[in-house]
PDB file of N, CA and C in Angstrom:
ATOM      1  N   GLN A   1      24.295   0.971  42.035  1.00  0.00           N
ATOM      2  CA  GLN A   1      24.447   2.268  41.418  1.00  0.00           C
ATOM      3  C   GLN A   1      23.555   3.310  42.069  1.00  0.00           C
ATOM      4  N   VAL A   2      22.287   3.007  42.172  1.00  0.00           N
ATOM      5  CA  VAL A   2      21.334   3.946  42.726  1.00  0.00           C
ATOM      6  C   VAL A   2      20.395   3.217  43.677  1.00  0.00           C
ATOM      7  N   GLN A   3      20.146   3.836  44.796  1.00  0.00           N
ATOM      8  CA  GLN A   3      19.173   3.344  45.750  1.00  0.00           C
ATOM      9  C   GLN A   3      18.170   4.437  46.057  1.00  0.00           C
ATOM     10  N   LEU A   4      16.928   4.046  46.179  1.00  0.00           N
ATOM     11  CA  LEU A   4      15.868   4.967  46.543  1.00  0.00           C
ATOM     12  C   LEU A   4      15.375   4.601  47.929  1.00  0.00           C
ATOM     13  N   VAL A   5      15.437   5.550  48.830  1.00  0.00           N
ATOM     14  CA  VAL A   5      15.013   5.339  50.202  1.00  0.00           C
ATOM     15  C   VAL A   5      13.805   6.211  50.478  1.00  0.00           C
ATOM     16  N   GLU A   6      12.710   5.573  50.826  1.00  0.00           N
ATOM     17  CA  GLU A   6      11.463   6.268  51.063  1.00  0.00           C
ATOM     18  C   GLU A   6      11.190   6.384  52.554  1.00  0.00           C
ATOM     19  N   SER A   7      10.514   7.444  52.907  1.00  0.00           N
ATOM     20  CA  SER A   7      10.138   7.659  54.292  1.00  0.00           C
ATOM     21  C   SER A   7       8.900   8.536  54.346  1.00  0.00           C
ATOM     22  N   GLY A   8       8.305   8.603  55.507  1.00  0.00           N
ATOM     23  CA  GLY A   8       7.179   9.489  55.720  1.00  0.00           C
ATOM     24  C   GLY A   8       5.830   8.812  55.806  1.00  0.00           C
ATOM     25  N   GLY A   9       5.785   7.530  55.525  1.00  0.00           N
ATOM     26  CA  GLY A   9       4.523   6.828  55.625  1.00  0.00           C
ATOM     27  C   GLY A   9       4.119   6.626  57.073  1.00  0.00           C
ATOM     28  N   GLY A  10       2.901   6.193  57.240  1.00  0.00           N
ATOM     29  CA  GLY A  10       2.406   5.963  58.579  1.00  0.00           C
ATOM     30  C   GLY A  10       0.904   5.870  58.614  1.00  0.00           C
ATOM     31  N   LEU A  11       0.385   5.966  59.807  1.00  0.00           N
ATOM     32  CA  LEU A  11      -1.048   5.898  60.050  1.00  0.00           C
ATOM     33  C   LEU A  11      -1.574   7.291  60.331  1.00  0.00           C
ATOM     34  N   VAL A  12      -2.629   7.644  59.646  1.00  0.00           N
ATOM     35  CA  VAL A  12      -3.216   8.963  59.810  1.00  0.00           C
ATOM     36  C   VAL A  12      -4.729   8.847  59.693  1.00  0.00           C
ATOM     37  N   GLN A  13      -5.419   9.728  60.363  1.00  0.00           N
ATOM     38  CA  GLN A  13      -6.870   9.752  60.275  1.00  0.00           C
ATOM     39  C   GLN A  13      -7.326  10.425  58.989  1.00  0.00           C
ATOM     40  N   ALA A  14      -8.509  10.058  58.561  1.00  0.00           N
ATOM     41  CA  ALA A  14      -9.076  10.688  57.378  1.00  0.00           C
ATOM     42  C   ALA A  14      -9.110  12.196  57.547  1.00  0.00           C
ATOM     43  N   GLY A  15      -8.734  12.890  56.485  1.00  0.00           N
ATOM     44  CA  GLY A  15      -8.647  14.331  56.525  1.00  0.00           C
ATOM     45  C   GLY A  15      -7.284  14.856  56.911  1.00  0.00           C
ATOM     46  N   GLY A  16      -6.426  13.983  57.375  1.00  0.00           N
ATOM     47  CA  GLY A  16      -5.098  14.382  57.780  1.00  0.00           C
ATOM     48  C   GLY A  16      -4.141  14.476  56.617  1.00  0.00           C
ATOM     49  N   SER A  17      -2.886  14.708  56.951  1.00  0.00           N
ATOM     50  CA  SER A  17      -1.854  14.912  55.941  1.00  0.00           C
ATOM     51  C   SER A  17      -0.615  14.096  56.256  1.00  0.00           C
ATOM     52  N   LEU A  18       0.085  13.741  55.216  1.00  0.00           N
ATOM     53  CA  LEU A  18       1.381  13.100  55.310  1.00  0.00           C
ATOM     54  C   LEU A  18       2.267  13.647  54.209  1.00  0.00           C
ATOM     55  N   ARG A  19       3.550  13.608  54.466  1.00  0.00           N
ATOM     56  CA  ARG A  19       4.516  14.011  53.458  1.00  0.00           C
ATOM     57  C   ARG A  19       5.519  12.894  53.263  1.00  0.00           C
ATOM     58  N   LEU A  20       5.536  12.341  52.079  1.00  0.00           N
ATOM     59  CA  LEU A  20       6.465  11.285  51.737  1.00  0.00           C
ATOM     60  C   LEU A  20       7.721  11.866  51.118  1.00  0.00           C
ATOM     61  N   SER A  21       8.831  11.227  51.408  1.00  0.00           N
ATOM     62  CA  SER A  21      10.104  11.626  50.840  1.00  0.00           C
ATOM     63  C   SER A  21      10.762  10.426  50.182  1.00  0.00           C
ATOM     64  N   CYS A  22      11.473  10.686  49.132  1.00  0.00           N
ATOM     65  CA  CYS A  22      12.232   9.657  48.442  1.00  0.00           C
ATOM     66  C   CYS A  22      13.569  10.248  48.053  1.00  0.00           C
ATOM     67  N   ALA A  23      14.623   9.720  48.629  1.00  0.00           N
ATOM     68  CA  ALA A  23      15.965  10.217  48.380  1.00  0.00           C
ATOM     69  C   ALA A  23      16.752   9.204  47.561  1.00  0.00           C
ATOM     70  N   ALA A  24      17.334   9.674  46.501  1.00  0.00           N
ATOM     71  CA  ALA A  24      18.178   8.845  45.656  1.00  0.00           C
ATOM     72  C   ALA A  24      19.632   9.016  46.051  1.00  0.00           C
ATOM     73  N   SER A  25      20.317   7.918  46.207  1.00  0.00           N
ATOM     74  CA  SER A  25      21.724   7.958  46.559  1.00  0.00           C
ATOM     75  C   SER A  25      22.513   7.037  45.649  1.00  0.00           C
ATOM     76  N   GLY A  26      23.764   7.342  45.499  1.00  0.00           N
ATOM     77  CA  GLY A  26      24.632   6.564  44.646  1.00  0.00           C
ATOM     78  C   GLY A  26      25.707   7.448  44.062  1.00  0.00           C
ATOM     79  N   SER A  27      26.208   7.043  42.943  1.00  0.00           N
ATOM     80  CA  SER A  27      27.254   7.805  42.292  1.00  0.00           C
ATOM     81  C   SER A  27      27.095   7.720  40.780  1.00  0.00           C
ATOM     82  N   SER A  28      27.620   8.720  40.138  1.00  0.00           N
ATOM     83  CA  SER A  28      27.674   8.754  38.673  1.00  0.00           C
ATOM     84  C   SER A  28      26.301   8.609  38.037  1.00  0.00           C
ATOM     85  N   PHE A  29      25.365   9.345  38.572  1.00  0.00           N
ATOM     86  CA  PHE A  29      24.033   9.325  37.996  1.00  0.00           C
ATOM     87  C   PHE A  29      23.411  10.703  38.061  1.00  0.00           C
ATOM     88  N   SER A  30      22.429  10.886  37.246  1.00  0.00           N
ATOM     89  CA  SER A  30      21.612  12.079  37.294  1.00  0.00           C
ATOM     90  C   SER A  30      20.159  11.668  37.131  1.00  0.00           C
ATOM     91  N   VAL A  31      19.298  12.387  37.801  1.00  0.00           N
ATOM     92  CA  VAL A  31      17.885  12.074  37.791  1.00  0.00           C
ATOM     93  C   VAL A  31      17.171  12.977  36.803  1.00  0.00           C
ATOM     94  N   ASN A  32      16.416  12.389  35.912  1.00  0.00           N
ATOM     95  CA  ASN A  32      15.562  13.217  35.085  1.00  0.00           C
ATOM     96  C   ASN A  32      14.126  13.195  35.607  1.00  0.00           C
ATOM     97  N   ALA A  33      13.451  12.094  35.491  1.00  0.00           N
ATOM     98  CA  ALA A  33      12.068  12.045  35.926  1.00  0.00           C
ATOM     99  C   ALA A  33      11.913  11.209  37.194  1.00  0.00           C
ATOM    100  N   MET A  34      11.016  11.620  38.049  1.00  0.00           N
ATOM    101  CA  MET A  34      10.676  10.865  39.248  1.00  0.00           C
ATOM    102  C   MET A  34       9.166  10.872  39.417  1.00  0.00           C
ATOM    103  N   GLY A  35       8.682   9.840  40.058  1.00  0.00           N
ATOM    104  CA  GLY A  35       7.249   9.757  40.252  1.00  0.00           C
ATOM    105  C   GLY A  35       6.885   8.877  41.427  1.00  0.00           C
ATOM    106  N   TRP A  36       5.632   8.963  41.792  1.00  0.00           N
ATOM    107  CA  TRP A  36       5.071   8.175  42.871  1.00  0.00           C
ATOM    108  C   TRP A  36       3.979   7.271  42.344  1.00  0.00           C
ATOM    109  N   TYR A  37       4.013   6.044  42.789  1.00  0.00           N
ATOM    110  CA  TYR A  37       3.009   5.051  42.460  1.00  0.00           C
ATOM    111  C   TYR A  37       2.502   4.425  43.747  1.00  0.00           C
ATOM    112  N   ARG A  38       1.368   3.797  43.670  1.00  0.00           N
ATOM    113  CA  ARG A  38       0.846   3.132  44.845  1.00  0.00           C
ATOM    114  C   ARG A  38       0.159   1.841  44.448  1.00  0.00           C
ATOM    115  N   GLN A  39       0.098   0.949  45.403  1.00  0.00           N
ATOM    116  CA  GLN A  39      -0.533  -0.334  45.181  1.00  0.00           C
ATOM    117  C   GLN A  39      -1.298  -0.739  46.428  1.00  0.00           C
ATOM    118  N   ALA A  40      -2.583  -0.882  46.261  1.00  0.00           N
ATOM    119  CA  ALA A  40      -3.441  -1.360  47.326  1.00  0.00           C
ATOM    120  C   ALA A  40      -3.587  -2.867  47.208  1.00  0.00           C
ATOM    121  N   PRO A  41      -3.921  -3.541  48.296  1.00  0.00           N
ATOM    122  CA  PRO A  41      -4.072  -4.995  48.243  1.00  0.00           C
ATOM    123  C   PRO A  41      -5.061  -5.433  47.174  1.00  0.00           C
ATOM    124  N   GLY A  42      -4.646  -6.383  46.362  1.00  0.00           N
ATOM    125  CA  GLY A  42      -5.506  -6.914  45.322  1.00  0.00           C
ATOM    126  C   GLY A  42      -5.646  -6.043  44.096  1.00  0.00           C
ATOM    127  N   LYS A  43      -4.916  -4.955  44.042  1.00  0.00           N
ATOM    128  CA  LYS A  43      -5.014  -4.050  42.903  1.00  0.00           C
ATOM    129  C   LYS A  43      -3.658  -3.876  42.231  1.00  0.00           C
ATOM    130  N   GLN A  44      -3.713  -3.400  41.012  1.00  0.00           N
ATOM    131  CA  GLN A  44      -2.497  -3.122  40.274  1.00  0.00           C
ATOM    132  C   GLN A  44      -1.821  -1.867  40.799  1.00  0.00           C
ATOM    133  N   ARG A  45      -0.528  -1.823  40.601  1.00  0.00           N
ATOM    134  CA  ARG A  45       0.194  -0.617  40.935  1.00  0.00           C
ATOM    135  C   ARG A  45      -0.219   0.482  39.957  1.00  0.00           C
ATOM    136  N   GLU A  46      -0.499   1.645  40.482  1.00  0.00           N
ATOM    137  CA  GLU A  46      -1.002   2.725  39.658  1.00  0.00           C
ATOM    138  C   GLU A  46      -0.211   4.003  39.874  1.00  0.00           C
ATOM    139  N   LEU A  47      -0.227   4.812  38.855  1.00  0.00           N
ATOM    140  CA  LEU A  47       0.417   6.117  38.919  1.00  0.00           C
ATOM    141  C   LEU A  47      -0.325   7.025  39.886  1.00  0.00           C
ATOM    142  N   VAL A  48       0.421   7.727  40.704  1.00  0.00           N
ATOM    143  CA  VAL A  48      -0.136   8.733  41.591  1.00  0.00           C
ATOM    144  C   VAL A  48       0.228  10.126  41.089  1.00  0.00           C
ATOM    145  N   ALA A  49       1.501  10.373  40.948  1.00  0.00           N
ATOM    146  CA  ALA A  49       1.976  11.668  40.491  1.00  0.00           C
ATOM    147  C   ALA A  49       3.375  11.513  39.926  1.00  0.00           C
ATOM    148  N   THR A  50       3.665  12.284  38.914  1.00  0.00           N
ATOM    149  CA  THR A  50       4.997  12.276  38.322  1.00  0.00           C
ATOM    150  C   THR A  50       5.506  13.698  38.196  1.00  0.00           C
ATOM    151  N   PHE A  51       6.805  13.812  38.243  1.00  0.00           N
ATOM    152  CA  PHE A  51       7.473  15.088  38.091  1.00  0.00           C
ATOM    153  C   PHE A  51       8.554  14.897  37.035  1.00  0.00           C
ATOM    154  N   THR A  52       8.421  15.615  35.953  1.00  0.00           N
ATOM    155  CA  THR A  52       9.372  15.501  34.862  1.00  0.00           C
ATOM    156  C   THR A  52      10.547  16.442  35.088  1.00  0.00           C
ATOM    157  N   ALA A  53      11.475  16.429  34.144  1.00  0.00           N
ATOM    158  CA  ALA A  53      12.655  17.284  34.256  1.00  0.00           C
ATOM    159  C   ALA A  53      12.295  18.757  34.212  1.00  0.00           C
ATOM    160  N   GLY A  54      11.194  19.068  33.604  1.00  0.00           N
ATOM    161  CA  GLY A  54      10.749  20.437  33.538  1.00  0.00           C
ATOM    162  C   GLY A  54       9.767  20.771  34.637  1.00  0.00           C
ATOM    163  N   ILE A  55       8.895  21.690  34.341  1.00  0.00           N
ATOM    164  CA  ILE A  55       7.913  22.130  35.320  1.00  0.00           C
ATOM    165  C   ILE A  55       6.664  21.257  35.305  1.00  0.00           C
ATOM    166  N   ASN A  56       6.552  20.426  34.301  1.00  0.00           N
ATOM    167  CA  ASN A  56       5.336  19.650  34.110  1.00  0.00           C
ATOM    168  C   ASN A  56       5.153  18.587  35.184  1.00  0.00           C
ATOM    169  N   THR A  57       3.940  18.445  35.617  1.00  0.00           N
ATOM    170  CA  THR A  57       3.563  17.398  36.546  1.00  0.00           C
ATOM    171  C   THR A  57       2.296  16.722  36.054  1.00  0.00           C
ATOM    172  N   ASN A  58       2.130  15.480  36.461  1.00  0.00           N
ATOM    173  CA  ASN A  58       0.932  14.731  36.144  1.00  0.00           C
ATOM    174  C   ASN A  58       0.402  14.086  37.411  1.00  0.00           C
ATOM    175  N   TYR A  59      -0.899  14.111  37.551  1.00  0.00           N
ATOM    176  CA  TYR A  59      -1.549  13.534  38.716  1.00  0.00           C
ATOM    177  C   TYR A  59      -2.678  12.624  38.293  1.00  0.00           C
ATOM    178  N   ALA A  60      -2.847  11.573  39.061  1.00  0.00           N
ATOM    179  CA  ALA A  60      -4.031  10.762  38.881  1.00  0.00           C
ATOM    180  C   ALA A  60      -5.263  11.566  39.271  1.00  0.00           C
ATOM    181  N   ASP A  61      -6.354  11.312  38.581  1.00  0.00           N
ATOM    182  CA  ASP A  61      -7.573  12.049  38.869  1.00  0.00           C
ATOM    183  C   ASP A  61      -8.001  11.899  40.329  1.00  0.00           C
ATOM    184  N   ALA A  62      -7.736  10.748  40.898  1.00  0.00           N
ATOM    185  CA  ALA A  62      -8.173  10.481  42.258  1.00  0.00           C
ATOM    186  C   ALA A  62      -7.460  11.336  43.298  1.00  0.00           C
ATOM    187  N   VAL A  63      -6.304  11.873  42.955  1.00  0.00           N
ATOM    188  CA  VAL A  63      -5.530  12.638  43.930  1.00  0.00           C
ATOM    189  C   VAL A  63      -5.364  14.093  43.549  1.00  0.00           C
ATOM    190  N   LYS A  64      -5.755  14.456  42.369  1.00  0.00           N
ATOM    191  CA  LYS A  64      -5.569  15.824  41.913  1.00  0.00           C
ATOM    192  C   LYS A  64      -6.302  16.798  42.828  1.00  0.00           C
ATOM    193  N   GLY A  65      -5.594  17.845  43.209  1.00  0.00           N
ATOM    194  CA  GLY A  65      -6.142  18.819  44.129  1.00  0.00           C
ATOM    195  C   GLY A  65      -5.850  18.524  45.576  1.00  0.00           C
ATOM    196  N   ARG A  66      -5.424  17.305  45.875  1.00  0.00           N
ATOM    197  CA  ARG A  66      -5.108  16.921  47.242  1.00  0.00           C
ATOM    198  C   ARG A  66      -3.631  16.627  47.441  1.00  0.00           C
ATOM    199  N   PHE A  67      -3.004  16.070  46.425  1.00  0.00           N
ATOM    200  CA  PHE A  67      -1.596  15.702  46.505  1.00  0.00           C
ATOM    201  C   PHE A  67      -0.762  16.674  45.683  1.00  0.00           C
ATOM    202  N   THR A  68       0.448  16.910  46.142  1.00  0.00           N
ATOM    203  CA  THR A  68       1.379  17.764  45.433  1.00  0.00           C
ATOM    204  C   THR A  68       2.749  17.108  45.408  1.00  0.00           C
ATOM    205  N   ILE A  69       3.299  16.977  44.225  1.00  0.00           N
ATOM    206  CA  ILE A  69       4.633  16.420  44.084  1.00  0.00           C
ATOM    207  C   ILE A  69       5.625  17.566  43.933  1.00  0.00           C
ATOM    208  N   SER A  70       6.761  17.427  44.570  1.00  0.00           N
ATOM    209  CA  SER A  70       7.809  18.433  44.483  1.00  0.00           C
ATOM    210  C   SER A  70       9.160  17.744  44.590  1.00  0.00           C
ATOM    211  N   ARG A  71      10.200  18.496  44.353  1.00  0.00           N
ATOM    212  CA  ARG A  71      11.530  17.904  44.426  1.00  0.00           C
ATOM    213  C   ARG A  71      12.563  18.928  44.855  1.00  0.00           C
ATOM    214  N   ASP A  72      13.653  18.407  45.366  1.00  0.00           N
ATOM    215  CA  ASP A  72      14.814  19.200  45.725  1.00  0.00           C
ATOM    216  C   ASP A  72      15.982  18.594  44.965  1.00  0.00           C
ATOM    217  N   ASN A  73      16.362  19.226  43.894  1.00  0.00           N
ATOM    218  CA  ASN A  73      17.407  18.671  43.045  1.00  0.00           C
ATOM    219  C   ASN A  73      18.747  18.550  43.766  1.00  0.00           C
ATOM    220  N   ALA A  74      19.043  19.504  44.639  1.00  0.00           N
ATOM    221  CA  ALA A  74      20.309  19.467  45.360  1.00  0.00           C
ATOM    222  C   ALA A  74      20.410  18.243  46.257  1.00  0.00           C
ATOM    223  N   LYS A  75      19.283  17.758  46.722  1.00  0.00           N
ATOM    224  CA  LYS A  75      19.264  16.603  47.609  1.00  0.00           C
ATOM    225  C   LYS A  75      18.859  15.319  46.901  1.00  0.00           C
ATOM    226  N   ASN A  76      18.607  15.405  45.599  1.00  0.00           N
ATOM    227  CA  ASN A  76      18.119  14.248  44.844  1.00  0.00           C
ATOM    228  C   ASN A  76      16.921  13.610  45.536  1.00  0.00           C
ATOM    229  N   THR A  77      16.009  14.450  45.927  1.00  0.00           N
ATOM    230  CA  THR A  77      14.871  14.008  46.707  1.00  0.00           C
ATOM    231  C   THR A  77      13.573  14.490  46.074  1.00  0.00           C
ATOM    232  N   VAL A  78      12.602  13.619  46.065  1.00  0.00           N
ATOM    233  CA  VAL A  78      11.270  13.968  45.608  1.00  0.00           C
ATOM    234  C   VAL A  78      10.308  13.786  46.773  1.00  0.00           C
ATOM    235  N   TYR A  79       9.309  14.640  46.832  1.00  0.00           N
ATOM    236  CA  TYR A  79       8.354  14.628  47.916  1.00  0.00           C
ATOM    237  C   TYR A  79       6.947  14.449  47.368  1.00  0.00           C
ATOM    238  N   LEU A  80       6.106  13.938  48.212  1.00  0.00           N
ATOM    239  CA  LEU A  80       4.690  13.866  47.899  1.00  0.00           C
ATOM    240  C   LEU A  80       3.921  14.359  49.113  1.00  0.00           C
ATOM    241  N   GLN A  81       3.392  15.556  49.001  1.00  0.00           N
ATOM    242  CA  GLN A  81       2.558  16.117  50.051  1.00  0.00           C
ATOM    243  C   GLN A  81       1.132  15.641  49.835  1.00  0.00           C
ATOM    244  N   MET A  82       0.601  14.952  50.808  1.00  0.00           N
ATOM    245  CA  MET A  82      -0.726  14.376  50.709  1.00  0.00           C
ATOM    246  C   MET A  82      -1.629  15.032  51.745  1.00  0.00           C
ATOM    247  N   ASN A  83      -2.619  15.727  51.267  1.00  0.00           N
ATOM    248  CA  ASN A  83      -3.578  16.399  52.126  1.00  0.00           C
ATOM    249  C   ASN A  83      -4.961  15.794  51.936  1.00  0.00           C
ATOM    250  N   SER A  84      -5.813  16.060  52.891  1.00  0.00           N
ATOM    251  CA  SER A  84      -7.193  15.575  52.837  1.00  0.00           C
ATOM    252  C   SER A  84      -7.249  14.088  52.525  1.00  0.00           C
ATOM    253  N   LEU A  85      -6.468  13.339  53.246  1.00  0.00           N
ATOM    254  CA  LEU A  85      -6.353  11.915  52.976  1.00  0.00           C
ATOM    255  C   LEU A  85      -7.669  11.193  53.228  1.00  0.00           C
ATOM    256  N   LYS A  86      -7.902  10.200  52.406  1.00  0.00           N
ATOM    257  CA  LYS A  86      -9.098   9.386  52.475  1.00  0.00           C
ATOM    258  C   LYS A  86      -8.711   7.933  52.709  1.00  0.00           C
ATOM    259  N   PRO A  87      -9.605   7.150  53.278  1.00  0.00           N
ATOM    260  CA  PRO A  87      -9.294   5.734  53.467  1.00  0.00           C
ATOM    261  C   PRO A  87      -8.894   5.029  52.179  1.00  0.00           C
ATOM    262  N   GLU A  88      -9.460   5.432  51.065  1.00  0.00           N
ATOM    263  CA  GLU A  88      -9.113   4.809  49.801  1.00  0.00           C
ATOM    264  C   GLU A  88      -7.708   5.152  49.327  1.00  0.00           C
ATOM    265  N   ASP A  89      -7.039   6.059  50.014  1.00  0.00           N
ATOM    266  CA  ASP A  89      -5.640   6.339  49.724  1.00  0.00           C
ATOM    267  C   ASP A  89      -4.710   5.320  50.363  1.00  0.00           C
ATOM    268  N   THR A  90      -5.242   4.462  51.182  1.00  0.00           N
ATOM    269  CA  THR A  90      -4.433   3.448  51.847  1.00  0.00           C
ATOM    270  C   THR A  90      -3.777   2.540  50.823  1.00  0.00           C
ATOM    271  N   ALA A  91      -2.469   2.453  50.889  1.00  0.00           N
ATOM    272  CA  ALA A  91      -1.706   1.663  49.936  1.00  0.00           C
ATOM    273  C   ALA A  91      -0.236   1.719  50.318  1.00  0.00           C
ATOM    274  N   VAL A  92       0.535   0.906  49.649  1.00  0.00           N
ATOM    275  CA  VAL A  92       1.978   1.038  49.710  1.00  0.00           C
ATOM    276  C   VAL A  92       2.389   1.990  48.597  1.00  0.00           C
ATOM    277  N   TYR A  93       3.103   3.010  48.952  1.00  0.00           N
ATOM    278  CA  TYR A  93       3.521   4.016  47.998  1.00  0.00           C
ATOM    279  C   TYR A  93       4.968   3.785  47.602  1.00  0.00           C
ATOM    280  N   TYR A  94       5.192   3.752  46.312  1.00  0.00           N
ATOM    281  CA  TYR A  94       6.505   3.473  45.761  1.00  0.00           C
ATOM    282  C   TYR A  94       7.026   4.672  44.988  1.00  0.00           C
ATOM    283  N   CYS A  95       8.266   4.949  45.192  1.00  0.00           N
ATOM    284  CA  CYS A  95       8.948   5.970  44.436  1.00  0.00           C
ATOM    285  C   CYS A  95       9.638   5.335  43.235  1.00  0.00           C
ATOM    286  N   LYS A  96       9.511   5.943  42.098  1.00  0.00           N
ATOM    287  CA  LYS A  96      10.206   5.499  40.903  1.00  0.00           C
ATOM    288  C   LYS A  96      11.038   6.642  40.350  1.00  0.00           C
ATOM    289  N   ALA A  97      12.260   6.320  40.012  1.00  0.00           N
ATOM    290  CA  ALA A  97      13.166   7.315  39.463  1.00  0.00           C
ATOM    291  C   ALA A  97      13.721   6.840  38.133  1.00  0.00           C
ATOM    292  N   ARG A  98      13.733   7.722  37.197  1.00  0.00           N
ATOM    293  CA  ARG A  98      14.396   7.492  35.925  1.00  0.00           C
ATOM    294  C   ARG A  98      15.725   8.221  35.977  1.00  0.00           C
ATOM    295  N   VAL A  99      16.783   7.442  35.955  1.00  0.00           N
ATOM    296  CA  VAL A  99      18.110   8.012  36.139  1.00  0.00           C
ATOM    297  C   VAL A  99      18.956   7.733  34.914  1.00  0.00           C
ATOM    298  N   ARG A 100      19.910   8.599  34.726  1.00  0.00           N
ATOM    299  CA  ARG A 100      20.848   8.435  33.632  1.00  0.00           C
ATOM    300  C   ARG A 100      22.206   8.063  34.196  1.00  0.00           C
ATOM    301  N   ILE A 101      22.715   6.961  33.721  1.00  0.00           N
ATOM    302  CA  ILE A 101      24.050   6.505  34.058  1.00  0.00           C
ATOM    303  C   ILE A 101      24.811   6.344  32.755  1.00  0.00           C
ATOM    304  N   GLY A 102      25.816   7.142  32.596  1.00  0.00           N
ATOM    305  CA  GLY A 102      26.513   7.157  31.328  1.00  0.00           C
ATOM    306  C   GLY A 102      25.608   7.714  30.252  1.00  0.00           C
ATOM    307  N   THR A 103      25.366   6.916  29.239  1.00  0.00           N
ATOM    308  CA  THR A 103      24.508   7.339  28.143  1.00  0.00           C
ATOM    309  C   THR A 103      23.178   6.604  28.115  1.00  0.00           C
ATOM    310  N   TYR A 104      22.864   5.880  29.185  1.00  0.00           N
ATOM    311  CA  TYR A 104      21.649   5.097  29.230  1.00  0.00           C
ATOM    312  C   TYR A 104      20.774   5.507  30.402  1.00  0.00           C
ATOM    313  N   ASP A 105      19.487   5.317  30.220  1.00  0.00           N
ATOM    314  CA  ASP A 105      18.519   5.572  31.270  1.00  0.00           C
ATOM    315  C   ASP A 105      18.063   4.266  31.896  1.00  0.00           C
ATOM    316  N   TYR A 106      17.849   4.310  33.203  1.00  0.00           N
ATOM    317  CA  TYR A 106      17.405   3.153  33.955  1.00  0.00           C
ATOM    318  C   TYR A 106      16.274   3.561  34.887  1.00  0.00           C
ATOM    319  N   LEU A 107      15.421   2.604  35.170  1.00  0.00           N
ATOM    320  CA  LEU A 107      14.337   2.812  36.110  1.00  0.00           C
ATOM    321  C   LEU A 107      14.650   2.117  37.426  1.00  0.00           C
ATOM    322  N   TYR A 108      14.501   2.852  38.515  1.00  0.00           N
ATOM    323  CA  TYR A 108      14.709   2.314  39.847  1.00  0.00           C
ATOM    324  C   TYR A 108      13.453   2.502  40.668  1.00  0.00           C
ATOM    325  N   TRP A 109      13.194   1.524  41.495  1.00  0.00           N
ATOM    326  CA  TRP A 109      12.047   1.547  42.389  1.00  0.00           C
ATOM    327  C   TRP A 109      12.504   1.528  43.840  1.00  0.00           C
ATOM    328  N   GLY A 110      11.817   2.283  44.661  1.00  0.00           N
ATOM    329  CA  GLY A 110      12.029   2.193  46.088  1.00  0.00           C
ATOM    330  C   GLY A 110      11.344   0.971  46.662  1.00  0.00           C
ATOM    331  N   GLN A 111      11.595   0.722  47.925  1.00  0.00           N
ATOM    332  CA  GLN A 111      11.027  -0.439  48.584  1.00  0.00           C
ATOM    333  C   GLN A 111       9.563  -0.251  48.967  1.00  0.00           C
ATOM    334  N   GLY A 112       9.114   0.956  48.976  1.00  0.00           N
ATOM    335  CA  GLY A 112       7.737   1.245  49.318  1.00  0.00           C
ATOM    336  C   GLY A 112       7.585   1.667  50.765  1.00  0.00           C
ATOM    337  N   THR A 113       6.625   2.509  50.999  1.00  0.00           N
ATOM    338  CA  THR A 113       6.289   2.941  52.347  1.00  0.00           C
ATOM    339  C   THR A 113       4.781   2.866  52.523  1.00  0.00           C
ATOM    340  N   GLN A 114       4.373   2.312  53.632  1.00  0.00           N
ATOM    341  CA  GLN A 114       2.953   2.074  53.884  1.00  0.00           C
ATOM    342  C   GLN A 114       2.265   3.347  54.338  1.00  0.00           C
ATOM    343  N   VAL A 115       1.163   3.634  53.704  1.00  0.00           N
ATOM    344  CA  VAL A 115       0.284   4.725  54.113  1.00  0.00           C
ATOM    345  C   VAL A 115      -1.068   4.125  54.446  1.00  0.00           C
ATOM    346  N   THR A 116      -1.498   4.340  55.665  1.00  0.00           N
ATOM    347  CA  THR A 116      -2.775   3.830  56.114  1.00  0.00           C
ATOM    348  C   THR A 116      -3.626   4.984  56.623  1.00  0.00           C
ATOM    349  N   VAL A 117      -4.795   5.111  56.064  1.00  0.00           N
ATOM    350  CA  VAL A 117      -5.710   6.184  56.438  1.00  0.00           C
ATOM    351  C   VAL A 117      -6.930   5.555  57.088  1.00  0.00           C
ATOM    352  N   SER A 118      -7.150   5.882  58.325  1.00  0.00           N
ATOM    353  CA  SER A 118      -8.270   5.332  59.066  1.00  0.00           C
ATOM    354  C   SER A 118      -9.490   6.229  58.928  1.00  0.00           C
ATOM    355  N   SER A 119     -10.647   5.622  58.987  1.00  0.00           N
ATOM    356  CA  SER A 119     -11.891   6.360  58.870  1.00  0.00           C
ATOM    357  C   SER A 119     -12.368   6.869  60.216  1.00  0.00           C
TER     358      SER A 119
END
């Protein structure tokens, strides 16, 4: 029904920037909420930033002021602009989408994209 394809990860030096993209594809669905999560080795997956159906956004304290979540509704795509990257930002970043199919909501996860920040 829905697939999330992530891109934009890579290797960057501390202080650099990356922009992650997550595109939802499929049919007969609509996206309400989307968000970004990350998981570092040996740690739990944690919330990074979320974008609700409205203007509201939520950010983890660790990234607030450095990361910006945005979306393009026409493209069913959510972005994560990451600035002033730190080595502790190194993780696999996952896109999560809450989609509506028919009268029900479902959660979909992307495969993840690796972000590595070197010191």
